[in-house]
Amino acid sequence: LQIDDLTAELETAPSKCLHLDAKNQVFREGLLSMKGMQKKCEKLEKNKKKLEQEVVNLRSHIEMYMIEHSQVEQYKREIEERARQDLVEKLKEV
């Protein structure tokens, strides 16, 4: 009885090996695919961080531009006011 069991096991061993090899191949392909996806995710994360930094830089530039623009507008108003006052003074002299 024991010999019969061992003989049966011996006969089924090659097909079990083939089945396990096929399973192993499927797992390897899955692992490769997952590694590829992981690399893509890492690349996307890196790009996301670069873009976020770019947004921060652009916001900073916009803020500086707005401040400069505001200062230019203020300076322009002051010059126009001085010119008006000068004109009023000259008209008074006439």
C-alpha atoms as a PDB file:
ATOM      1  CA  LEU A   1       0.000   0.000   0.000  1.00  0.00           C
ATOM      2  CA  GLN A   2       2.797   2.406   0.859  1.00  0.00           C
ATOM      3  CA  ILE A   3       4.613   1.577  -2.381  1.00  0.00           C
ATOM      4  CA  ASP A   4       1.407   2.202  -4.347  1.00  0.00           C
ATOM      5  CA  ASP A   5       1.052   5.621  -2.710  1.00  0.00           C
ATOM      6  CA  LEU A   6       4.660   6.487  -3.486  1.00  0.00           C
ATOM      7  CA  THR A   7       4.285   5.287  -7.073  1.00  0.00           C
ATOM      8  CA  ALA A   8       1.152   7.393  -7.520  1.00  0.00           C
ATOM      9  CA  GLU A   9       2.949  10.402  -6.072  1.00  0.00           C
ATOM     10  CA  LEU A  10       5.898   9.803  -8.382  1.00  0.00           C
ATOM     11  CA  GLU A  11       3.582   9.661 -11.392  1.00  0.00           C
ATOM     12  CA  THR A  12       1.802  12.921 -10.484  1.00  0.00           C
ATOM     13  CA  ALA A  13       4.976  14.801  -9.504  1.00  0.00           C
ATOM     14  CA  PRO A  14       5.885  15.985 -13.046  1.00  0.00           C
ATOM     15  CA  SER A  15       2.425  17.426 -13.680  1.00  0.00           C
ATOM     16  CA  LYS A  16       2.510  19.097 -10.244  1.00  0.00           C
ATOM     17  CA  CYS A  17       5.887  20.593 -11.138  1.00  0.00           C
ATOM     18  CA  LEU A  18       4.538  21.890 -14.448  1.00  0.00           C
ATOM     19  CA  HIS A  19       1.537  23.357 -12.673  1.00  0.00           C
ATOM     20  CA  LEU A  20       3.781  25.024 -10.065  1.00  0.00           C
ATOM     21  CA  ASP A  21       6.105  26.330 -12.809  1.00  0.00           C
ATOM     22  CA  ALA A  22       3.135  27.882 -14.596  1.00  0.00           C
ATOM     23  CA  LYS A  23       1.927  29.465 -11.347  1.00  0.00           C
ATOM     24  CA  ASN A  24       5.431  30.711 -10.625  1.00  0.00           C
ATOM     25  CA  GLN A  25       5.616  32.284 -14.103  1.00  0.00           C
ATOM     26  CA  VAL A  26       2.290  34.063 -13.542  1.00  0.00           C
ATOM     27  CA  PHE A  27       3.562  35.417 -10.211  1.00  0.00           C
ATOM     28  CA  ARG A  28       6.818  36.597 -11.795  1.00  0.00           C
ATOM     29  CA  GLU A  29       4.939  38.404 -14.555  1.00  0.00           C
ATOM     30  CA  GLY A  30       2.672  39.992 -11.955  1.00  0.00           C
ATOM     31  CA  LEU A  31       5.688  41.093  -9.933  1.00  0.00           C
ATOM     32  CA  LEU A  32       7.336  42.590 -13.026  1.00  0.00           C
ATOM     33  CA  SER A  33       4.147  44.448 -13.860  1.00  0.00           C
ATOM     34  CA  MET A  34       3.889  45.757 -10.299  1.00  0.00           C
ATOM     35  CA  LYS A  35       7.513  46.916 -10.352  1.00  0.00           C
ATOM     36  CA  GLY A  36       6.809  48.783 -13.590  1.00  0.00           C
ATOM     37  CA  MET A  37       3.761  50.407 -12.025  1.00  0.00           C
ATOM     38  CA  GLN A  38       5.806  51.340  -8.955  1.00  0.00           C
ATOM     39  CA  LYS A  39       8.410  53.068 -11.140  1.00  0.00           C
ATOM     40  CA  LYS A  40       5.677  54.961 -12.971  1.00  0.00           C
ATOM     41  CA  CYS A  41       4.154  56.023  -9.638  1.00  0.00           C
ATOM     42  CA  GLU A  42       7.532  57.207  -8.357  1.00  0.00           C
ATOM     43  CA  LYS A  43       8.077  59.191 -11.557  1.00  0.00           C
ATOM     44  CA  LEU A  44       4.617  60.755 -11.260  1.00  0.00           C
ATOM     45  CA  GLU A  45       5.256  61.650  -7.608  1.00  0.00           C
ATOM     46  CA  LYS A  46       8.536  63.299  -8.597  1.00  0.00           C
ATOM     47  CA  ASN A  47       6.804  65.268 -11.377  1.00  0.00           C
ATOM     48  CA  LYS A  48       4.012  66.244  -8.983  1.00  0.00           C
ATOM     49  CA  LYS A  49       6.538  67.648  -6.492  1.00  0.00           C
ATOM     50  CA  LYS A  50       8.291  69.590  -9.275  1.00  0.00           C
ATOM     51  CA  LEU A  51       4.972  71.035 -10.447  1.00  0.00           C
ATOM     52  CA  GLU A  52       3.955  71.948  -6.899  1.00  0.00           C
ATOM     53  CA  GLN A  53       7.262  73.789  -6.472  1.00  0.00           C
ATOM     54  CA  GLU A  54       6.686  75.535  -9.803  1.00  0.00           C
ATOM     55  CA  VAL A  55       3.246  76.663  -8.605  1.00  0.00           C
ATOM     56  CA  VAL A  56       4.810  78.038  -5.397  1.00  0.00           C
ATOM     57  CA  ASN A  57       7.422  79.913  -7.455  1.00  0.00           C
ATOM     58  CA  LEU A  58       4.800  81.305  -9.850  1.00  0.00           C
ATOM     59  CA  ARG A  59       2.619  82.476  -6.958  1.00  0.00           C
ATOM     60  CA  SER A  60       5.636  84.203  -5.458  1.00  0.00           C
ATOM     61  CA  HIS A  61       6.395  85.927  -8.780  1.00  0.00           C
ATOM     62  CA  ILE A  62       2.764  86.985  -9.160  1.00  0.00           C
ATOM     63  CA  GLU A  63       2.786  88.425  -5.633  1.00  0.00           C
ATOM     64  CA  MET A  64       5.970  90.370  -6.350  1.00  0.00           C
ATOM     65  CA  TYR A  65       4.531  91.614  -9.656  1.00  0.00           C
ATOM     66  CA  MET A  66       1.322  92.729  -7.945  1.00  0.00           C
ATOM     67  CA  ILE A  67       3.305  94.608  -5.288  1.00  0.00           C
ATOM     68  CA  GLU A  68       5.490  96.258  -7.940  1.00  0.00           C
ATOM     69  CA  HIS A  69       2.428  97.090 -10.047  1.00  0.00           C
ATOM     70  CA  SER A  70       0.744  98.598  -7.000  1.00  0.00           C
ATOM     71  CA  GLN A  71       3.835 100.701  -6.258  1.00  0.00           C
ATOM     72  CA  VAL A  72       3.997 101.883  -9.888  1.00  0.00           C
ATOM     73  CA  GLU A  73       0.319 102.853  -9.777  1.00  0.00           C
ATOM     74  CA  GLN A  74       0.882 104.749  -6.523  1.00  0.00           C
ATOM     75  CA  TYR A  75       3.906 106.539  -8.016  1.00  0.00           C
ATOM     76  CA  LYS A  76       1.867 107.377 -11.141  1.00  0.00           C
ATOM     77  CA  ARG A  77      -0.938 108.857  -8.998  1.00  0.00           C
ATOM     78  CA  GLU A  78       1.562 110.926  -7.031  1.00  0.00           C
ATOM     79  CA  ILE A  79       3.140 112.298 -10.244  1.00  0.00           C
ATOM     80  CA  GLU A  80      -0.290 113.111 -11.693  1.00  0.00           C
ATOM     81  CA  GLU A  81      -1.256 114.863  -8.456  1.00  0.00           C
ATOM     82  CA  ARG A  82       1.980 116.892  -8.466  1.00  0.00           C
ATOM     83  CA  ALA A  83       1.435 117.807 -12.124  1.00  0.00           C
ATOM     84  CA  ARG A  84      -2.115 118.958 -11.297  1.00  0.00           C
ATOM     85  CA  GLN A  85      -0.859 121.026  -8.391  1.00  0.00           C
ATOM     86  CA  ASP A  86       1.876 122.559 -10.570  1.00  0.00           C
ATOM     87  CA  LEU A  87      -0.722 123.383 -13.224  1.00  0.00           C
ATOM     88  CA  VAL A  88      -3.001 124.988 -10.620  1.00  0.00           C
ATOM     89  CA  GLU A  89      -0.051 127.057  -9.292  1.00  0.00           C
ATOM     90  CA  LYS A  90       0.873 128.214 -12.810  1.00  0.00           C
ATOM     91  CA  LEU A  91      -2.735 129.123 -13.552  1.00  0.00           C
ATOM     92  CA  LYS A  92      -2.854 131.163 -10.342  1.00  0.00           C
ATOM     93  CA  GLU A  93       0.246 133.064 -11.463  1.00  0.00           C
ATOM     94  CA  VAL A  94      -1.387 134.056 -14.731  1.00  0.00           C
END
